[in-house]
Amino acid sequence: MEEKDILFANFIADLVVQKLHNDFDFKLITQENVGMDEKLSIDDVLNGELNLEDDMEEKLIAEIARLTTLLTIYEDKEQYEKANIVKNKIRIINQKLNRL
């Protein structure tokens, strides 16, 4: 890749990040601020000012519940290849939960 191509790619990337930063805000809703209008900017997320691990744990547990339901359905229908794929996904999520 030539230097002018790299400079152009960097320019485009900067424009995309700037556009995302200017156009999108995230609303952070917790039990403490329900009903309040507290906004979370992308800078807060990128700077690590938000602890996403608690939310991640809840999402992983919900995903395990969903996958367990699918696993039961696939086993009942004797779709063992799909059931094996789901078992592997459950195993991976359990490993992620153990690391939190």
N, C-alpha and C. Protein backbone atom coordinates (compact mmCIF):
# COMPACT_ATOMS: atom_id res chain seq x y z
N MET A 1 0.84 -1.16 0.00
CA MET A 1 0.00 0.00 0.00
C MET A 1 0.90 1.24 0.00
N GLU A 2 0.59 2.17 -0.85
CA GLU A 2 1.40 3.38 -0.96
C GLU A 2 1.06 4.35 0.18
N GLU A 3 2.00 5.28 0.40
CA GLU A 3 1.83 6.24 1.49
C GLU A 3 0.57 7.09 1.32
N LYS A 4 0.25 7.47 0.08
CA LYS A 4 -0.94 8.28 -0.14
C LYS A 4 -2.21 7.49 0.17
N ASP A 5 -2.19 6.17 -0.07
CA ASP A 5 -3.34 5.33 0.27
C ASP A 5 -3.51 5.23 1.79
N ILE A 6 -2.40 5.13 2.50
CA ILE A 6 -2.45 5.05 3.96
C ILE A 6 -2.97 6.36 4.53
N LEU A 7 -2.50 7.48 4.00
CA LEU A 7 -2.97 8.78 4.47
C LEU A 7 -4.46 8.95 4.21
N PHE A 8 -4.91 8.50 3.04
CA PHE A 8 -6.33 8.59 2.71
C PHE A 8 -7.17 7.71 3.64
N ALA A 9 -6.69 6.50 3.91
CA ALA A 9 -7.41 5.59 4.81
C ALA A 9 -7.48 6.18 6.22
N ASN A 10 -6.40 6.78 6.69
CA ASN A 10 -6.41 7.41 8.01
C ASN A 10 -7.38 8.59 8.05
N PHE A 11 -7.42 9.36 6.98
CA PHE A 11 -8.34 10.49 6.89
C PHE A 11 -9.79 10.01 6.97
N ILE A 12 -10.12 8.98 6.23
CA ILE A 12 -11.47 8.42 6.24
C ILE A 12 -11.81 7.88 7.62
N ALA A 13 -10.88 7.17 8.25
CA ALA A 13 -11.12 6.62 9.59
C ALA A 13 -11.38 7.75 10.59
N ASP A 14 -10.61 8.82 10.50
CA ASP A 14 -10.83 9.96 11.39
C ASP A 14 -12.20 10.58 11.18
N LEU A 15 -12.63 10.69 9.93
CA LEU A 15 -13.96 11.23 9.65
C LEU A 15 -15.07 10.35 10.22
N VAL A 16 -14.91 9.05 10.10
CA VAL A 16 -15.91 8.11 10.61
C VAL A 16 -16.01 8.22 12.13
N VAL A 17 -14.86 8.24 12.81
CA VAL A 17 -14.87 8.33 14.27
C VAL A 17 -15.47 9.66 14.71
N GLN A 18 -15.11 10.74 14.04
CA GLN A 18 -15.67 12.05 14.37
C GLN A 18 -17.18 12.07 14.17
N LYS A 19 -17.66 11.49 13.09
CA LYS A 19 -19.10 11.44 12.81
C LYS A 19 -19.82 10.63 13.88
N LEU A 20 -19.26 9.49 14.26
CA LEU A 20 -19.86 8.68 15.32
C LEU A 20 -19.90 9.46 16.63
N HIS A 21 -18.83 10.14 16.93
CA HIS A 21 -18.75 10.89 18.18
C HIS A 21 -19.78 12.03 18.20
N ASN A 22 -19.95 12.71 17.09
CA ASN A 22 -20.85 13.85 17.03
C ASN A 22 -22.32 13.46 16.94
N ASP A 23 -22.62 12.35 16.30
CA ASP A 23 -24.02 12.01 16.03
C ASP A 23 -24.66 11.05 17.02
N PHE A 24 -23.87 10.34 17.78
CA PHE A 24 -24.45 9.31 18.63
C PHE A 24 -24.09 9.54 20.09
N ASP A 25 -25.11 9.48 20.94
CA ASP A 25 -24.95 9.47 22.38
C ASP A 25 -25.63 8.21 22.88
N PHE A 26 -25.10 7.68 23.94
CA PHE A 26 -25.70 6.51 24.55
C PHE A 26 -26.36 6.95 25.84
N LYS A 27 -27.53 6.45 26.12
CA LYS A 27 -28.17 6.74 27.39
C LYS A 27 -27.85 5.61 28.35
N LEU A 28 -27.37 5.98 29.50
CA LEU A 28 -27.04 5.01 30.54
C LEU A 28 -28.18 4.99 31.53
N ILE A 29 -28.84 3.87 31.65
CA ILE A 29 -29.95 3.76 32.59
C ILE A 29 -29.59 2.70 33.62
N THR A 30 -29.53 3.12 34.85
CA THR A 30 -29.27 2.20 35.96
C THR A 30 -30.40 2.35 36.95
N GLN A 31 -30.43 1.50 37.96
CA GLN A 31 -31.48 1.58 38.96
C GLN A 31 -31.40 2.90 39.73
N GLU A 32 -30.19 3.45 39.85
CA GLU A 32 -30.02 4.69 40.60
C GLU A 32 -30.56 5.89 39.85
N ASN A 33 -30.53 5.86 38.52
CA ASN A 33 -30.93 7.05 37.78
C ASN A 33 -32.15 6.83 36.87
N VAL A 34 -33.01 5.89 37.23
CA VAL A 34 -34.22 5.66 36.45
C VAL A 34 -35.06 6.92 36.50
N GLY A 35 -35.50 7.36 35.35
CA GLY A 35 -36.30 8.57 35.27
C GLY A 35 -35.46 9.81 35.04
N MET A 36 -34.17 9.72 35.27
CA MET A 36 -33.29 10.85 35.02
C MET A 36 -32.79 10.75 33.58
N ASP A 37 -32.32 11.83 33.04
CA ASP A 37 -31.85 11.84 31.66
C ASP A 37 -30.34 11.99 31.64
N GLU A 38 -29.64 10.97 32.09
CA GLU A 38 -28.19 10.99 32.12
C GLU A 38 -27.67 10.36 30.84
N LYS A 39 -26.79 11.06 30.14
CA LYS A 39 -26.27 10.55 28.88
C LYS A 39 -24.85 10.07 29.06
N LEU A 40 -24.50 9.10 28.29
CA LEU A 40 -23.16 8.54 28.28
C LEU A 40 -22.60 8.74 26.89
N SER A 41 -21.47 9.40 26.80
CA SER A 41 -20.89 9.63 25.48
C SER A 41 -19.96 8.49 25.12
N ILE A 42 -19.62 8.42 23.86
CA ILE A 42 -18.70 7.38 23.41
C ILE A 42 -17.33 7.57 24.03
N ASP A 43 -16.98 8.83 24.38
CA ASP A 43 -15.71 9.08 25.05
C ASP A 43 -15.66 8.39 26.41
N ASP A 44 -16.80 8.40 27.13
CA ASP A 44 -16.84 7.73 28.43
C ASP A 44 -16.55 6.25 28.30
N VAL A 45 -17.12 5.64 27.27
CA VAL A 45 -16.90 4.21 27.04
C VAL A 45 -15.45 3.95 26.67
N LEU A 46 -14.91 4.78 25.75
CA LEU A 46 -13.54 4.57 25.29
C LEU A 46 -12.52 4.86 26.38
N ASN A 47 -12.83 5.78 27.28
CA ASN A 47 -11.90 6.12 28.36
C ASN A 47 -12.02 5.19 29.55
N GLY A 48 -12.93 4.23 29.48
CA GLY A 48 -13.06 3.25 30.55
C GLY A 48 -13.78 3.79 31.78
N GLU A 49 -14.59 4.83 31.62
CA GLU A 49 -15.30 5.41 32.75
C GLU A 49 -16.58 4.64 33.08
N LEU A 50 -16.84 3.59 32.37
CA LEU A 50 -18.03 2.79 32.60
C LEU A 50 -17.61 1.36 32.87
N ASN A 51 -18.12 0.78 33.92
CA ASN A 51 -17.81 -0.60 34.24
C ASN A 51 -18.82 -1.49 33.54
N LEU A 52 -18.39 -2.11 32.46
CA LEU A 52 -19.29 -2.95 31.67
C LEU A 52 -19.32 -4.40 32.13
N GLU A 53 -18.47 -4.76 33.09
CA GLU A 53 -18.39 -6.16 33.50
C GLU A 53 -19.69 -6.64 34.15
N ASP A 54 -20.33 -5.79 34.96
CA ASP A 54 -21.58 -6.19 35.62
C ASP A 54 -22.65 -6.47 34.58
N ASP A 55 -22.78 -5.58 33.62
CA ASP A 55 -23.75 -5.74 32.55
C ASP A 55 -23.41 -6.96 31.70
N MET A 56 -22.12 -7.18 31.48
CA MET A 56 -21.68 -8.31 30.68
C MET A 56 -22.08 -9.63 31.34
N GLU A 57 -21.94 -9.71 32.65
CA GLU A 57 -22.30 -10.94 33.36
C GLU A 57 -23.78 -11.25 33.17
N GLU A 58 -24.62 -10.24 33.29
CA GLU A 58 -26.06 -10.44 33.10
C GLU A 58 -26.37 -10.91 31.68
N LYS A 59 -25.72 -10.31 30.71
CA LYS A 59 -25.96 -10.70 29.31
C LYS A 59 -25.49 -12.12 29.04
N LEU A 60 -24.35 -12.51 29.63
CA LEU A 60 -23.86 -13.87 29.43
C LEU A 60 -24.79 -14.89 30.07
N ILE A 61 -25.31 -14.59 31.24
CA ILE A 61 -26.25 -15.50 31.90
C ILE A 61 -27.53 -15.62 31.09
N ALA A 62 -28.02 -14.51 30.55
CA ALA A 62 -29.22 -14.56 29.71
C ALA A 62 -28.96 -15.39 28.46
N GLU A 63 -27.76 -15.25 27.89
CA GLU A 63 -27.42 -16.03 26.69
C GLU A 63 -27.35 -17.52 27.01
N ILE A 64 -26.83 -17.86 28.17
CA ILE A 64 -26.79 -19.28 28.57
C ILE A 64 -28.21 -19.83 28.69
N ALA A 65 -29.11 -19.05 29.26
CA ALA A 65 -30.50 -19.49 29.39
C ALA A 65 -31.12 -19.73 28.02
N ARG A 66 -30.87 -18.82 27.10
CA ARG A 66 -31.41 -18.97 25.74
C ARG A 66 -30.83 -20.20 25.06
N LEU A 67 -29.51 -20.37 25.19
CA LEU A 67 -28.86 -21.52 24.54
C LEU A 67 -29.28 -22.84 25.16
N THR A 68 -29.52 -22.85 26.46
CA THR A 68 -29.97 -24.07 27.13
C THR A 68 -31.34 -24.48 26.60
N THR A 69 -32.20 -23.51 26.38
CA THR A 69 -33.52 -23.80 25.80
C THR A 69 -33.37 -24.38 24.39
N LEU A 70 -32.50 -23.76 23.59
CA LEU A 70 -32.25 -24.29 22.25
C LEU A 70 -31.69 -25.70 22.30
N LEU A 71 -30.77 -25.93 23.23
CA LEU A 71 -30.17 -27.26 23.37
C LEU A 71 -31.25 -28.31 23.64
N THR A 72 -32.16 -28.00 24.53
CA THR A 72 -33.25 -28.94 24.85
C THR A 72 -34.11 -29.20 23.62
N ILE A 73 -34.42 -28.16 22.87
CA ILE A 73 -35.24 -28.32 21.67
C ILE A 73 -34.52 -29.19 20.64
N TYR A 74 -33.23 -28.91 20.42
CA TYR A 74 -32.49 -29.69 19.42
C TYR A 74 -32.34 -31.15 19.83
N GLU A 75 -32.15 -31.40 21.11
CA GLU A 75 -32.04 -32.78 21.57
C GLU A 75 -33.37 -33.51 21.43
N ASP A 76 -34.47 -32.82 21.74
CA ASP A 76 -35.80 -33.43 21.58
C ASP A 76 -36.10 -33.78 20.13
N LYS A 77 -35.63 -32.93 19.21
CA LYS A 77 -35.86 -33.16 17.78
C LYS A 77 -34.77 -34.03 17.17
N GLU A 78 -33.86 -34.51 18.01
CA GLU A 78 -32.74 -35.36 17.59
C GLU A 78 -31.87 -34.69 16.53
N GLN A 79 -31.68 -33.40 16.67
CA GLN A 79 -30.78 -32.63 15.81
C GLN A 79 -29.46 -32.48 16.56
N TYR A 80 -28.70 -33.56 16.58
CA TYR A 80 -27.53 -33.63 17.44
C TYR A 80 -26.36 -32.76 16.98
N GLU A 81 -26.24 -32.50 15.70
CA GLU A 81 -25.18 -31.61 15.23
C GLU A 81 -25.40 -30.19 15.74
N LYS A 82 -26.64 -29.72 15.65
CA LYS A 82 -26.96 -28.39 16.16
C LYS A 82 -26.79 -28.36 17.68
N ALA A 83 -27.20 -29.43 18.34
CA ALA A 83 -27.07 -29.50 19.80
C ALA A 83 -25.60 -29.43 20.20
N ASN A 84 -24.73 -30.06 19.45
CA ASN A 84 -23.30 -30.03 19.77
C ASN A 84 -22.72 -28.62 19.61
N ILE A 85 -23.17 -27.91 18.59
CA ILE A 85 -22.72 -26.53 18.39
C ILE A 85 -23.15 -25.66 19.57
N VAL A 86 -24.40 -25.85 20.00
CA VAL A 86 -24.92 -25.07 21.13
C VAL A 86 -24.16 -25.42 22.41
N LYS A 87 -23.85 -26.70 22.61
CA LYS A 87 -23.07 -27.10 23.79
C LYS A 87 -21.72 -26.41 23.82
N ASN A 88 -21.08 -26.31 22.66
CA ASN A 88 -19.78 -25.63 22.59
C ASN A 88 -19.92 -24.15 22.93
N LYS A 89 -20.98 -23.52 22.45
CA LYS A 89 -21.21 -22.10 22.77
C LYS A 89 -21.44 -21.92 24.27
N ILE A 90 -22.20 -22.81 24.87
CA ILE A 90 -22.44 -22.75 26.32
C ILE A 90 -21.13 -22.90 27.08
N ARG A 91 -20.28 -23.81 26.63
CA ARG A 91 -18.99 -24.02 27.28
C ARG A 91 -18.13 -22.76 27.20
N ILE A 92 -18.11 -22.12 26.05
CA ILE A 92 -17.32 -20.90 25.87
C ILE A 92 -17.85 -19.78 26.78
N ILE A 93 -19.16 -19.65 26.85
CA ILE A 93 -19.74 -18.60 27.70
C ILE A 93 -19.44 -18.88 29.17
N ASN A 94 -19.50 -20.14 29.57
CA ASN A 94 -19.16 -20.49 30.96
C ASN A 94 -17.71 -20.12 31.27
N GLN A 95 -16.82 -20.33 30.32
CA GLN A 95 -15.43 -19.95 30.52
C GLN A 95 -15.30 -18.43 30.68
N LYS A 96 -16.04 -17.68 29.90
CA LYS A 96 -16.02 -16.22 30.02
C LYS A 96 -16.55 -15.79 31.38
N LEU A 97 -17.62 -16.44 31.84
CA LEU A 97 -18.18 -16.10 33.15
C LEU A 97 -17.18 -16.40 34.27
N ASN A 98 -16.45 -17.48 34.14
CA ASN A 98 -15.48 -17.83 35.17
C ASN A 98 -14.32 -16.82 35.24
N ARG A 99 -14.04 -16.16 34.12
CA ARG A 99 -12.97 -15.17 34.09
C ARG A 99 -13.39 -13.82 34.64
N LEU A 100 -14.70 -13.58 34.77
CA LEU A 100 -15.17 -12.28 35.29
C LEU A 100 -14.98 -12.19 36.79
